[in-house]
């Protein structure tokens, strides 16, 4: 069996050398494809044959795949070294190229949204197969679409506007170096390395870790706060004022092809169930022999007398493979391809982007995964999470590039389900003491990915309203602190230094209102997992079918086919019932 080593990914399948004539040729071919596509403009006619219509869509698929190759290469290169001038320059060039290509093919999108009557639209969609939902979803945007010249201006200005602001935030925050005294030595660390210490057995180290991170953002609150306010104002100006969306979060919901009612139900149930996790925090304080947890202690190891287990990278990879394989050999095979093709960047390096992600560029290309592996048990679960994304993409690899990606709310389903499979697998291999620690960590994680993310979204709703009406960075921080007080109730002691924590959350900057997708995906995955526990192997084909749908069906419609009504509060409550049971199980182990 192979031995897996930490290392960098291989991007040569996308671009062999960005300085080579071959790369310039790749870019020229893409530009020519887009230029030729422009000639279609004069031939557009709502009464065209379905064959002509599908031919146009196939051309869009080819342009998308080729753009994703060069754009994806630039983006992945930049993520692996955000401090590289070459990577930054290429990223800027490819962003500009992407905007130019989008502008050249934009006319078709606008024509389809605004100039095709309902009768002909229905006729043209009749033979579109898996792309039908994509086309139908596009027409939802008709009332928010602008004229072609206006859309071109927005695309062009985004490169030096909102995209540049996001890049600036990344560049500033990824250059932060954190100095902290560990024992007798002062260490200089990345945020990823430092974050490990929030799980230290030593309360003082936990506190110092948070203060080190938060003070860095507090010292820079002027610039990172200003960047955020401008991103939010851009979102409002374009979305509400110019396009006419009902609310800032509605823009994301429509983009996600999910109903406002579904997300309102989700957030209402999450807010109502905060006491489920508050009980866990009170219980965890007892496990740690503390009167009350401080916010610094939120992710403290539950059993201070049990040393946290370290996992080698090789063992971690094999554990994830085994967990997926027990459920389905097909899913294990999909995960294996990421490693066999060296599409994973796993080592920790200065300048490398924090966190983890999975990037799917085309149905024809195995996804790329970035993690920062330090050997902690949470890193093993992060690996399972990102490989779950890769599995999801490959399950939908027979789909068109236009519908391969699941909408955001479904995008976290396979990742979370993979973590549940890993936990299920590991819990059978460990002692009661180890199980107690792992179950506590699991509930920590359920808090972080369900309740915390939903309260992030509730904060964003408030912050966008506040910034739209005019505010200060300190007022935004007060709003965030109040959000934490509602979330934790009296279960933990909260200090004012956490008021600035909102500026540490990249999703607020990169993708406003993204965070509810984690709550959605996790609660959905819990429901699917409970179904699996009841039905066993009979459930596997249904699960793979849900993944294989990609973005070809609206989430409400897709899940209703398997008996889930995601617009109802009752559905979301079932996920919290599972969490409550886990808290009870933990209590029984004490």
Protein backbone atom coordinates (compact mmCIF):
# COMPACT_ATOMS: atom_id res chain seq x y z
CA UNK A 1 0.00 0.00 0.00
CA UNK A 2 1.19 3.53 -0.80
CA UNK A 3 2.73 5.72 1.88
CA UNK A 4 1.43 9.30 1.87
CA UNK A 5 3.76 12.23 2.50
CA UNK A 6 3.08 15.91 3.17
CA UNK A 7 3.79 18.09 0.15
CA UNK A 8 2.63 20.52 -2.55
CA UNK A 9 0.16 19.85 -5.32
CA UNK A 10 0.95 19.41 -9.01
CA UNK A 11 -0.83 21.99 -11.17
CA UNK A 12 0.76 21.02 -14.49
CA UNK A 13 -2.45 19.42 -15.77
CA UNK A 14 -3.87 22.93 -15.85
CA UNK A 15 -0.84 24.91 -17.03
CA UNK A 16 2.65 23.50 -17.52
CA UNK A 17 4.49 26.82 -17.29
CA UNK A 18 2.80 30.25 -17.10
CA UNK A 19 5.88 31.87 -18.69
CA UNK A 20 5.94 29.55 -21.70
CA UNK A 21 4.73 30.21 -25.26
CA UNK A 22 2.38 27.22 -24.75
CA UNK A 23 0.55 29.14 -21.99
CA UNK A 24 0.27 32.24 -24.19
CA UNK A 25 -1.18 29.99 -26.89
CA UNK A 26 -3.67 28.56 -24.36
CA UNK A 27 -4.81 32.10 -23.51
CA UNK A 28 -5.02 33.15 -27.19
CA UNK A 29 -7.15 30.10 -28.04
CA UNK A 30 -9.51 31.00 -25.21
CA UNK A 31 -9.73 34.60 -26.42
CA UNK A 32 -10.43 33.37 -29.97
CA UNK A 33 -13.17 31.05 -28.73
CA UNK A 34 -14.85 33.97 -26.99
CA UNK A 35 -14.38 36.21 -30.04
CA UNK A 36 -15.97 33.60 -32.32
CA UNK A 37 -18.81 33.18 -29.85
CA UNK A 38 -19.62 36.90 -30.24
CA UNK A 39 -20.59 36.20 -33.88
CA UNK A 40 -23.62 34.29 -32.60
CA UNK A 41 -25.15 37.55 -31.38
CA UNK A 42 -26.64 38.48 -34.76
CA UNK A 43 -28.17 35.00 -35.14
CA UNK A 44 -30.02 34.88 -31.83
CA UNK A 45 -33.71 34.26 -32.32
CA UNK A 46 -36.23 32.94 -29.75
CA UNK A 47 -37.63 30.77 -32.55
CA UNK A 48 -34.32 29.02 -33.28
CA UNK A 49 -34.26 25.21 -33.31
CA UNK A 50 -33.42 23.32 -30.12
CA UNK A 51 -30.39 21.88 -31.95
CA UNK A 52 -29.00 25.38 -32.60
CA UNK A 53 -29.73 26.36 -29.01
CA UNK A 54 -27.92 23.32 -27.56
CA UNK A 55 -24.92 23.99 -29.84
CA UNK A 56 -24.61 27.46 -28.30
CA UNK A 57 -24.70 25.96 -24.79
CA UNK A 58 -21.98 23.45 -25.73
CA UNK A 59 -19.77 26.34 -26.85
CA UNK A 60 -20.33 28.04 -23.47
CA UNK A 61 -19.31 24.77 -21.76
CA UNK A 62 -16.02 24.67 -23.71
CA UNK A 63 -15.21 28.32 -22.98
CA UNK A 64 -16.01 27.77 -19.27
CA UNK A 65 -13.75 24.72 -19.07
CA UNK A 66 -10.84 26.48 -20.74
CA UNK A 67 -11.26 29.63 -18.63
CA UNK A 68 -11.40 27.52 -15.48
CA UNK A 69 -8.11 25.89 -16.39
CA UNK A 70 -6.09 29.10 -16.64
CA UNK A 71 -8.08 30.97 -13.99
CA UNK A 72 -7.96 27.96 -11.66
CA UNK A 73 -4.21 27.63 -12.11
CA UNK A 74 -3.73 31.30 -11.15
CA UNK A 75 -6.04 31.05 -8.16
CA UNK A 76 -4.47 27.82 -6.84
CA UNK A 77 -0.93 29.15 -7.34
CA UNK A 78 -1.86 32.27 -5.40
CA UNK A 79 -3.46 30.23 -2.58
CA UNK A 80 -0.30 28.16 -2.19
CA UNK A 81 1.84 31.33 -1.90
CA UNK A 82 -0.08 34.57 -1.31
CA UNK A 83 3.21 36.44 -0.82
CA UNK A 84 4.57 35.62 -4.28
CA UNK A 85 4.65 38.64 -6.59
CA UNK A 86 4.52 36.33 -9.62
CA UNK A 87 1.45 34.50 -8.32
CA UNK A 88 -0.23 37.80 -7.42
CA UNK A 89 0.52 39.27 -10.85
CA UNK A 90 -0.80 36.18 -12.65
CA UNK A 91 -3.92 36.19 -10.48
CA UNK A 92 -4.59 39.82 -11.44
CA UNK A 93 -4.01 39.09 -15.15
CA UNK A 94 -6.29 36.06 -15.13
CA UNK A 95 -9.00 37.93 -13.18
CA UNK A 96 -8.89 40.61 -15.87
CA UNK A 97 -9.00 37.97 -18.61
CA UNK A 98 -11.96 36.30 -16.87
CA UNK A 99 -13.83 39.61 -16.83
CA UNK A 100 -13.05 40.17 -20.53
CA UNK A 101 -14.24 36.66 -21.47
CA UNK A 102 -17.40 37.11 -19.36
CA UNK A 103 -18.10 40.39 -21.12
CA UNK A 104 -17.73 38.76 -24.56
CA UNK A 105 -20.27 36.00 -23.84
CA UNK A 106 -22.52 38.07 -21.60
CA UNK A 107 -24.97 38.93 -24.38
CA UNK A 108 -26.29 35.36 -24.54
CA UNK A 109 -27.02 35.29 -20.81
CA UNK A 110 -28.91 38.59 -21.04
CA UNK A 111 -30.77 37.49 -24.17
CA UNK A 112 -31.90 34.29 -22.46
CA UNK A 113 -33.00 36.11 -19.31
CA UNK A 114 -34.77 39.07 -20.87
CA UNK A 115 -35.53 38.63 -24.57
CA UNK A 116 -36.90 35.09 -24.92
CA UNK A 117 -40.64 34.83 -24.31
CA UNK A 118 -41.95 32.17 -21.91
CA UNK A 119 -43.45 30.00 -24.68
CA UNK A 120 -40.17 29.71 -26.63
CA UNK A 121 -38.15 29.38 -23.43
CA UNK A 122 -40.29 26.38 -22.47
CA UNK A 123 -39.82 24.87 -25.94
CA UNK A 124 -36.04 25.36 -25.92
CA UNK A 125 -35.71 23.91 -22.40
CA UNK A 126 -37.78 20.85 -23.27
CA UNK A 127 -34.77 19.00 -24.77
CA UNK A 128 -32.10 20.56 -22.50
CA UNK A 129 -32.04 17.57 -20.12
CA UNK A 130 -29.81 18.14 -17.09
CA UNK A 131 -29.27 21.81 -18.03
CA UNK A 132 -33.01 22.59 -17.70
CA UNK A 133 -32.78 23.70 -14.06
CA UNK A 134 -29.72 25.84 -14.88
CA UNK A 135 -31.66 27.58 -17.66
CA UNK A 136 -34.77 27.95 -15.54
CA UNK A 137 -32.71 29.37 -12.65
CA UNK A 138 -31.10 31.88 -15.04
CA UNK A 139 -34.53 33.23 -15.96
CA UNK A 140 -35.21 33.93 -12.28
CA UNK A 141 -32.56 36.65 -12.56
CA UNK A 142 -34.39 38.41 -15.41
CA UNK A 143 -35.85 41.12 -13.22
CA UNK A 144 -32.43 41.77 -11.66
CA UNK A 145 -30.52 41.91 -14.96
CA UNK A 146 -29.17 45.18 -16.37
CA UNK A 147 -28.45 46.17 -19.94
CA UNK A 148 -25.44 44.62 -21.64
CA UNK A 149 -23.28 47.79 -21.45
CA UNK A 150 -24.10 48.12 -17.72
CA UNK A 151 -23.26 44.46 -17.05
CA UNK A 152 -19.98 44.88 -18.92
CA UNK A 153 -19.07 47.89 -16.79
CA UNK A 154 -19.78 45.97 -13.57
CA UNK A 155 -17.71 42.97 -14.73
CA UNK A 156 -14.80 45.21 -15.67
CA UNK A 157 -14.88 47.31 -12.50
CA UNK A 158 -15.18 44.25 -10.23
CA UNK A 159 -11.57 43.35 -11.07
CA UNK A 160 -10.25 46.56 -9.51
CA UNK A 161 -13.21 46.91 -7.14
CA UNK A 162 -14.65 44.16 -4.97
CA UNK A 163 -12.21 41.46 -6.20
CA UNK A 164 -9.28 43.77 -5.46
CA UNK A 165 -10.64 44.50 -1.98
CA UNK A 166 -10.91 40.77 -1.21
CA UNK A 167 -7.38 40.19 -2.53
CA UNK A 168 -6.10 43.09 -0.41
CA UNK A 169 -7.73 41.60 2.71
CA UNK A 170 -6.09 38.23 1.96
CA UNK A 171 -2.71 39.78 1.30
CA UNK A 172 -2.77 41.82 4.51
CA UNK A 173 -4.08 39.07 6.81
CA UNK A 174 -1.99 36.24 5.33
CA UNK A 175 1.16 38.28 5.89
CA UNK A 176 0.44 38.51 9.63
CA UNK A 177 3.10 36.85 11.78
CA UNK A 178 2.10 35.87 15.27
CA UNK A 179 4.67 35.81 18.10
CA UNK A 180 3.83 33.87 21.22
CA UNK A 181 5.88 32.53 24.10
CA UNK A 182 5.63 28.75 24.49
CA UNK A 183 7.58 27.62 27.54
CA UNK A 184 10.89 29.50 27.42
CA UNK A 185 10.83 30.09 23.67
CA UNK A 186 9.11 32.75 21.60
CA UNK A 187 7.69 31.18 18.47
CA UNK A 188 6.81 32.98 15.22
CA UNK A 189 3.81 31.26 13.66
CA UNK A 190 1.18 31.45 10.93
CA UNK A 191 -2.43 31.78 12.09
CA UNK A 192 -2.99 28.13 11.19
CA UNK A 193 -0.14 27.00 13.46
CA UNK A 194 -1.19 29.36 16.25
CA UNK A 195 -4.84 28.22 16.11
CA UNK A 196 -3.75 24.76 17.29
CA UNK A 197 -3.07 26.31 20.71
CA UNK A 198 -6.73 27.23 21.30
CA UNK A 199 -6.98 23.49 22.03
CA UNK A 200 -4.11 23.50 24.51
CA UNK A 201 -4.51 21.82 27.91
CA UNK A 202 -3.13 25.01 29.47
CA UNK A 203 -5.83 27.69 30.10
CA UNK A 204 -3.24 30.49 30.04
CA UNK A 205 -1.95 29.37 26.62
CA UNK A 206 -5.53 29.25 25.28
CA UNK A 207 -6.15 32.78 26.49
CA UNK A 208 -2.84 34.09 25.14
CA UNK A 209 -3.50 32.41 21.76
CA UNK A 210 -6.84 34.17 21.31
CA UNK A 211 -5.43 37.47 22.53
CA UNK A 212 -2.50 37.16 20.10
CA UNK A 213 -4.85 36.61 17.15
CA UNK A 214 -7.49 39.16 18.17
CA UNK A 215 -4.98 41.89 19.05
CA UNK A 216 -3.41 41.56 15.57
CA UNK A 217 -6.81 42.19 13.98
CA UNK A 218 -7.61 44.90 16.52
CA UNK A 219 -4.33 46.68 15.67
CA UNK A 220 -5.35 46.53 12.00
CA UNK A 221 -9.06 47.17 12.49
CA UNK A 222 -8.90 50.47 10.63
CA UNK A 223 -7.86 48.91 7.35
CA UNK A 224 -9.62 45.51 7.56
CA UNK A 225 -12.77 47.22 8.86
CA UNK A 226 -12.70 49.76 6.04
CA UNK A 227 -12.27 46.96 3.49
CA UNK A 228 -15.31 45.16 4.95
CA UNK A 229 -17.50 48.25 4.93
CA UNK A 230 -16.67 48.90 1.28
CA UNK A 231 -17.39 45.27 0.31
CA UNK A 232 -20.78 45.50 2.06
CA UNK A 233 -21.58 48.86 0.44
CA UNK A 234 -20.63 47.43 -2.97
CA UNK A 235 -22.97 44.48 -2.31
CA UNK A 236 -25.78 46.91 -1.37
CA UNK A 237 -25.18 49.42 -4.17
CA UNK A 238 -25.11 46.81 -6.90
CA UNK A 239 -27.62 44.34 -5.47
CA UNK A 240 -30.28 46.45 -3.78
CA UNK A 241 -29.96 49.90 -5.37
CA UNK A 242 -29.08 48.95 -8.95
CA UNK A 243 -30.48 45.42 -9.46
CA UNK A 244 -33.44 45.65 -7.09
CA UNK A 245 -33.04 42.56 -4.87
CA UNK A 246 -35.30 42.48 -1.83
CA UNK A 247 -32.49 42.17 0.73
CA UNK A 248 -28.74 41.47 0.86
CA UNK A 249 -29.29 37.83 1.92
CA UNK A 250 -31.90 37.35 -0.85
CA UNK A 251 -29.12 37.91 -3.38
CA UNK A 252 -27.28 34.90 -1.98
CA UNK A 253 -30.45 32.81 -1.66
CA UNK A 254 -31.43 33.37 -5.29
CA UNK A 255 -27.85 32.68 -6.36
CA UNK A 256 -28.05 29.44 -4.36
CA UNK A 257 -31.36 28.54 -6.02
CA UNK A 258 -32.96 28.22 -2.60
CA UNK A 259 -36.10 29.94 -1.27
CA UNK A 260 -35.96 32.74 1.32
CA UNK A 261 -38.49 30.77 3.40
CA UNK A 262 -36.12 27.77 3.61
CA UNK A 263 -33.27 29.90 4.97
CA UNK A 264 -35.58 31.80 7.33
CA UNK A 265 -36.74 28.43 8.75
CA UNK A 266 -33.14 27.24 9.10
CA UNK A 267 -31.95 30.38 10.95
CA UNK A 268 -35.03 30.49 13.21
CA UNK A 269 -34.51 26.87 14.31
CA UNK A 270 -30.78 27.43 14.89
CA UNK A 271 -31.46 30.50 17.05
CA UNK A 272 -34.16 28.65 19.02
CA UNK A 273 -31.83 25.69 19.69
CA UNK A 274 -28.86 27.62 21.08
CA UNK A 275 -29.67 26.16 24.57
CA UNK A 276 -28.75 22.68 23.22
CA UNK A 277 -25.14 23.81 22.91
CA UNK A 278 -25.30 26.00 26.02
CA UNK A 279 -26.03 22.82 28.03
CA UNK A 280 -22.98 21.22 26.44
CA UNK A 281 -20.76 24.16 27.46
CA UNK A 282 -22.00 23.93 31.06
CA UNK A 283 -21.29 20.18 31.01
CA UNK A 284 -17.87 20.74 29.45
CA UNK A 285 -16.95 23.18 32.24
CA UNK A 286 -17.62 20.39 34.75
CA UNK A 287 -15.45 17.99 32.71
CA UNK A 288 -12.65 20.56 32.92
CA UNK A 289 -13.24 21.15 36.65
CA UNK A 290 -14.13 24.77 35.95
CA UNK A 291 -17.04 26.75 37.40
CA UNK A 292 -17.70 28.27 34.00
CA UNK A 293 -16.02 28.19 30.60
CA UNK A 294 -14.48 31.39 29.34
CA UNK A 295 -14.78 32.06 25.60
CA UNK A 296 -11.04 31.28 25.50
CA UNK A 297 -11.86 27.73 26.68
CA UNK A 298 -14.50 26.92 24.09
CA UNK A 299 -12.35 24.36 22.22
CA UNK A 300 -10.30 23.20 25.21
CA UNK A 301 -9.65 19.43 25.29
CA UNK A 302 -12.48 17.91 27.31
CA UNK A 303 -10.20 15.69 29.36
CA UNK A 304 -7.12 17.65 30.41
CA UNK A 305 -5.52 14.54 31.89
CA UNK A 306 -5.62 12.73 28.53
CA UNK A 307 -2.92 13.85 26.13
CA UNK A 308 -4.26 14.80 22.72
CA UNK A 309 -3.45 12.12 20.20
CA UNK A 310 -1.32 13.02 17.19
CA UNK A 311 -1.91 11.39 13.82
CA UNK A 312 0.65 10.90 11.09
CA UNK A 313 -0.37 12.17 7.68
CA UNK A 314 -0.11 8.68 6.21
CA UNK A 315 -2.36 7.16 8.89
CA UNK A 316 -4.85 10.02 8.55
CA UNK A 317 -5.23 9.56 4.80
CA UNK A 318 -5.73 5.82 5.21
CA UNK A 319 -8.31 6.32 7.98
CA UNK A 320 -10.36 8.61 5.74
CA UNK A 321 -10.13 6.12 2.85
CA UNK A 322 -11.22 3.28 5.14
CA UNK A 323 -14.20 5.27 6.49
CA UNK A 324 -15.42 6.12 2.99
CA UNK A 325 -14.76 2.56 1.77
CA UNK A 326 -16.91 0.99 4.49
CA UNK A 327 -19.81 3.05 3.18
CA UNK A 328 -19.04 2.77 -0.56
CA UNK A 329 -15.98 1.60 -2.51
CA UNK A 330 -16.94 4.12 -5.21
CA UNK A 331 -16.48 7.04 -2.81
CA UNK A 332 -13.14 5.66 -1.60
CA UNK A 333 -12.01 5.42 -5.22
CA UNK A 334 -12.97 9.05 -5.86
CA UNK A 335 -10.98 10.21 -2.80
CA UNK A 336 -7.99 8.13 -3.91
CA UNK A 337 -7.79 9.95 -7.24
CA UNK A 338 -6.95 13.23 -5.48
CA UNK A 339 -3.79 11.60 -4.09
CA UNK A 340 -2.94 9.42 -7.09
CA UNK A 341 -2.86 12.53 -9.29
CA UNK A 342 -1.11 14.66 -6.64
CA UNK A 343 -3.94 17.19 -6.52
CA UNK A 344 -3.46 17.94 -2.80
CA UNK A 345 -1.37 20.62 -1.05
CA UNK A 346 -1.04 19.49 2.56
CA UNK A 347 2.06 20.99 4.21
CA UNK A 348 2.09 24.15 6.35
CA UNK A 349 4.15 27.01 4.85
CA UNK A 350 4.48 30.74 5.50
CA UNK A 351 2.50 32.66 2.89
CA UNK A 352 0.22 29.73 2.09
CA UNK A 353 -3.46 30.47 2.53
CA UNK A 354 -4.90 29.53 5.93
CA UNK A 355 -7.61 26.94 6.35
CA UNK A 356 -8.68 24.38 3.78
CA UNK A 357 -10.73 24.14 0.59
CA UNK A 358 -11.56 21.94 -2.37
CA UNK A 359 -11.55 23.45 -5.86
CA UNK A 360 -13.48 21.83 -8.71
CA UNK A 361 -12.58 23.36 -12.06
CA UNK A 362 -14.15 20.97 -14.57
CA UNK A 363 -15.95 17.60 -14.68
CA UNK A 364 -12.95 16.32 -16.66
CA UNK A 365 -10.37 17.29 -13.99
CA UNK A 366 -10.03 15.66 -10.57
CA UNK A 367 -10.63 18.34 -7.89
CA UNK A 368 -7.75 20.06 -6.08
CA UNK A 369 -7.63 20.06 -2.27
CA UNK A 370 -5.72 22.41 0.05
CA UNK A 371 -5.25 21.62 3.75
CA UNK A 372 -2.74 22.76 6.39
CA UNK A 373 -2.01 19.45 8.13
CA UNK A 374 -0.44 19.63 11.61
CA UNK A 375 -1.28 16.13 12.90
CA UNK A 376 -4.13 16.97 15.27
CA UNK A 377 -7.35 14.95 15.23
CA UNK A 378 -9.22 17.97 13.85
CA UNK A 379 -6.83 17.89 10.86
CA UNK A 380 -7.94 14.33 10.15
CA UNK A 381 -11.56 15.50 10.15
CA UNK A 382 -10.66 18.49 7.96
CA UNK A 383 -9.09 16.06 5.50
CA UNK A 384 -12.28 13.97 5.51
CA UNK A 385 -14.31 17.16 5.03
CA UNK A 386 -12.40 18.43 1.98
CA UNK A 387 -12.21 14.97 0.41
CA UNK A 388 -15.99 14.82 0.89
CA UNK A 389 -16.20 17.87 -1.38
CA UNK A 390 -13.94 16.12 -3.91
CA UNK A 391 -16.13 13.00 -3.75
CA UNK A 392 -19.25 15.14 -4.32
CA UNK A 393 -17.76 16.72 -7.46
CA UNK A 394 -16.67 13.38 -8.88
CA UNK A 395 -20.06 11.80 -8.20
CA UNK A 396 -21.42 14.53 -10.51
CA UNK A 397 -18.57 14.24 -13.06
CA UNK A 398 -20.93 13.11 -15.85
CA UNK A 399 -22.81 16.40 -15.57
CA UNK A 400 -22.24 19.45 -17.71
CA UNK A 401 -19.80 21.99 -16.24
CA UNK A 402 -22.82 24.29 -16.05
CA UNK A 403 -24.51 22.05 -13.44
CA UNK A 404 -21.71 19.97 -11.93
CA UNK A 405 -21.45 22.09 -8.79
CA UNK A 406 -24.21 21.70 -6.23
CA UNK A 407 -25.71 25.00 -5.04
CA UNK A 408 -24.05 26.32 -1.88
CA UNK A 409 -26.59 24.91 0.62
CA UNK A 410 -26.00 21.38 -0.71
CA UNK A 411 -22.27 21.93 -1.18
CA UNK A 412 -21.45 21.09 2.46
CA UNK A 413 -23.50 17.88 2.57
CA UNK A 414 -20.94 15.31 1.36
CA UNK A 415 -18.12 16.99 3.29
CA UNK A 416 -20.01 16.75 6.59
CA UNK A 417 -21.29 13.24 5.84
CA UNK A 418 -17.67 12.14 5.30
CA UNK A 419 -16.76 13.50 8.74
CA UNK A 420 -19.65 11.54 10.28
CA UNK A 421 -18.41 8.36 8.58
CA UNK A 422 -14.90 9.01 9.95
CA UNK A 423 -16.24 9.56 13.47
CA UNK A 424 -18.34 6.39 13.24
CA UNK A 425 -15.28 4.43 12.10
CA UNK A 426 -12.93 5.85 14.76
CA UNK A 427 -15.38 5.46 17.65
CA UNK A 428 -15.24 1.68 17.18
CA UNK A 429 -11.45 1.63 17.50
CA UNK A 430 -10.93 3.63 20.70
CA UNK A 431 -11.38 3.32 24.48
CA UNK A 432 -14.19 5.00 26.45
CA UNK A 433 -11.79 7.70 27.62
CA UNK A 434 -10.68 8.43 24.06
CA UNK A 435 -14.31 8.26 22.93
CA UNK A 436 -15.24 10.85 25.54
CA UNK A 437 -12.58 13.20 24.15
CA UNK A 438 -13.54 12.54 20.54
CA UNK A 439 -17.27 12.92 21.22
CA UNK A 440 -16.61 16.21 23.01
CA UNK A 441 -14.53 17.33 20.01
CA UNK A 442 -17.31 16.21 17.70
CA UNK A 443 -19.88 18.32 19.57
CA UNK A 444 -17.37 21.20 19.53
CA UNK A 445 -17.29 20.77 15.77
CA UNK A 446 -21.09 20.55 15.47
CA UNK A 447 -21.26 23.82 17.39
CA UNK A 448 -18.64 25.42 15.12
CA UNK A 449 -20.29 24.27 11.90
CA UNK A 450 -24.00 24.61 12.79
CA UNK A 451 -24.76 27.11 15.53
CA UNK A 452 -21.73 29.36 15.09
CA UNK A 453 -22.22 29.57 11.31
CA UNK A 454 -25.91 30.41 11.63
CA UNK A 455 -25.13 33.16 14.13
CA UNK A 456 -22.44 34.41 11.73
CA UNK A 457 -25.22 34.75 9.14
CA UNK A 458 -27.52 36.50 11.63
CA UNK A 459 -24.64 38.91 12.34
CA UNK A 460 -24.14 39.53 8.62
CA UNK A 461 -27.83 40.38 8.17
CA UNK A 462 -27.49 42.95 10.99
CA UNK A 463 -24.09 44.27 9.83
CA UNK A 464 -25.20 44.79 6.22
CA UNK A 465 -28.23 46.78 7.45
CA UNK A 466 -26.07 48.77 9.86
CA UNK A 467 -23.36 49.60 7.31
CA UNK A 468 -26.00 50.52 4.72
CA UNK A 469 -27.35 53.12 7.14
CA UNK A 470 -23.88 54.43 8.05
CA UNK A 471 -21.86 53.23 11.03
CA UNK A 472 -18.38 52.85 12.53
CA UNK A 473 -16.09 49.85 12.96
CA UNK A 474 -16.60 50.02 16.75
CA UNK A 475 -20.39 49.92 16.31
CA UNK A 476 -20.08 46.84 14.06
CA UNK A 477 -17.98 45.24 16.81
CA UNK A 478 -20.69 45.99 19.38
CA UNK A 479 -23.26 44.30 17.13
CA UNK A 480 -21.00 41.23 16.92
CA UNK A 481 -20.50 41.12 20.70
CA UNK A 482 -24.28 41.26 21.27
CA UNK A 483 -24.64 38.40 18.76
CA UNK A 484 -22.22 36.32 20.88
CA UNK A 485 -24.16 37.14 24.07
CA UNK A 486 -27.41 35.82 22.56
CA UNK A 487 -25.62 32.74 21.23
CA UNK A 488 -23.96 31.75 24.53
CA UNK A 489 -26.50 33.04 27.05
CA UNK A 490 -25.08 32.52 30.54
CA UNK A 491 -23.20 29.34 29.61
CA UNK A 492 -19.78 31.00 29.21
CA UNK A 493 -17.91 34.13 30.32
CA UNK A 494 -17.41 36.48 27.41
CA UNK A 495 -14.81 39.26 27.25
CA UNK A 496 -14.92 42.41 25.13
CA UNK A 497 -11.79 41.50 23.13
CA UNK A 498 -13.97 39.09 21.07
CA UNK A 499 -15.89 42.07 19.66
CA UNK A 500 -13.34 42.32 16.80
CA UNK A 501 -13.54 38.59 15.94
CA UNK A 502 -15.85 39.27 12.97
CA UNK A 503 -12.92 40.79 11.05
CA UNK A 504 -11.04 37.43 11.35
CA UNK A 505 -13.72 35.58 9.34
CA UNK A 506 -12.64 35.44 5.64
CA UNK A 507 -16.10 34.26 4.43
CA UNK A 508 -17.60 37.64 5.38
CA UNK A 509 -15.20 39.20 2.89
CA UNK A 510 -14.95 36.51 0.19
CA UNK A 511 -18.58 35.39 -0.05
CA UNK A 512 -21.20 37.30 1.96
CA UNK A 513 -23.83 35.02 3.54
CA UNK A 514 -21.88 31.89 2.63
CA UNK A 515 -21.86 30.69 6.23
CA UNK A 516 -25.44 29.43 6.42
CA UNK A 517 -24.42 26.79 3.87
CA UNK A 518 -22.45 25.07 6.66
CA UNK A 519 -25.48 25.02 8.99
CA UNK A 520 -27.64 23.78 6.10
CA UNK A 521 -25.15 21.13 4.99
CA UNK A 522 -24.43 19.87 8.50
CA UNK A 523 -28.05 19.55 9.59
CA UNK A 524 -28.93 17.92 6.27
CA UNK A 525 -25.98 15.52 6.61
CA UNK A 526 -27.14 14.57 10.12
CA UNK A 527 -30.57 13.67 8.71
CA UNK A 528 -29.01 11.66 5.88
CA UNK A 529 -26.71 9.88 8.34
CA UNK A 530 -29.62 8.92 10.57
CA UNK A 531 -31.37 7.51 7.49
CA UNK A 532 -28.20 5.50 6.72
CA UNK A 533 -28.13 4.15 10.28
CA UNK A 534 -31.72 2.92 9.85
CA UNK A 535 -31.46 1.55 6.31
CA UNK A 536 -27.80 0.43 6.12
CA UNK A 537 -26.41 -0.38 2.67
CA UNK A 538 -29.86 0.12 1.08
CA UNK A 539 -29.35 3.85 1.63
CA UNK A 540 -26.07 4.07 -0.35
CA UNK A 541 -27.58 4.33 -3.90
CA UNK A 542 -29.96 7.12 -2.78
CA UNK A 543 -27.10 9.06 -1.20
CA UNK A 544 -24.88 8.76 -4.28
CA UNK A 545 -27.85 9.84 -6.44
CA UNK A 546 -28.26 13.00 -4.34
CA UNK A 547 -24.55 13.79 -4.85
CA UNK A 548 -24.67 12.89 -8.55
CA UNK A 549 -27.44 15.44 -9.14
CA UNK A 550 -24.88 18.23 -8.69
CA UNK A 551 -26.72 21.46 -9.45
CA UNK A 552 -29.15 19.93 -11.93
CA UNK A 553 -32.14 20.23 -9.55
CA UNK A 554 -33.38 22.87 -7.14
CA UNK A 555 -32.48 21.78 -3.56
CA UNK A 556 -36.12 21.77 -2.36
CA UNK A 557 -37.17 19.61 -5.33
CA UNK A 558 -34.19 17.22 -5.18
CA UNK A 559 -34.55 16.52 -1.46
CA UNK A 560 -38.34 16.20 -1.60
CA UNK A 561 -37.80 13.22 -3.93
CA UNK A 562 -36.14 11.48 -0.95
CA UNK A 563 -38.73 12.54 1.63
CA UNK A 564 -37.12 15.70 3.03
CA UNK A 565 -39.11 18.97 3.31
CA UNK A 566 -36.35 21.50 3.86
CA UNK A 567 -38.71 24.49 3.94
CA UNK A 568 -40.23 23.26 7.23
CA UNK A 569 -38.81 24.06 10.67
CA UNK A 570 -39.61 20.47 11.66
CA UNK A 571 -36.98 19.15 9.23
CA UNK A 572 -34.20 21.33 10.68
CA UNK A 573 -35.25 20.44 14.23
CA UNK A 574 -34.48 16.76 13.51
CA UNK A 575 -30.80 17.67 13.11
CA UNK A 576 -30.78 19.34 16.53
CA UNK A 577 -32.47 16.29 18.05
CA UNK A 578 -29.41 14.31 16.93
CA UNK A 579 -27.09 16.89 18.57
CA UNK A 580 -29.13 16.71 21.80
CA UNK A 581 -28.72 12.91 21.80
CA UNK A 582 -24.95 13.29 21.40
CA UNK A 583 -24.81 15.66 24.39
CA UNK A 584 -26.76 13.07 26.43
CA UNK A 585 -24.37 10.30 25.33
CA UNK A 586 -21.41 12.40 26.44
CA UNK A 587 -23.09 12.95 29.81
CA UNK A 588 -23.46 9.16 30.23
CA UNK A 589 -19.72 8.64 29.67
CA UNK A 590 -18.80 10.94 32.58
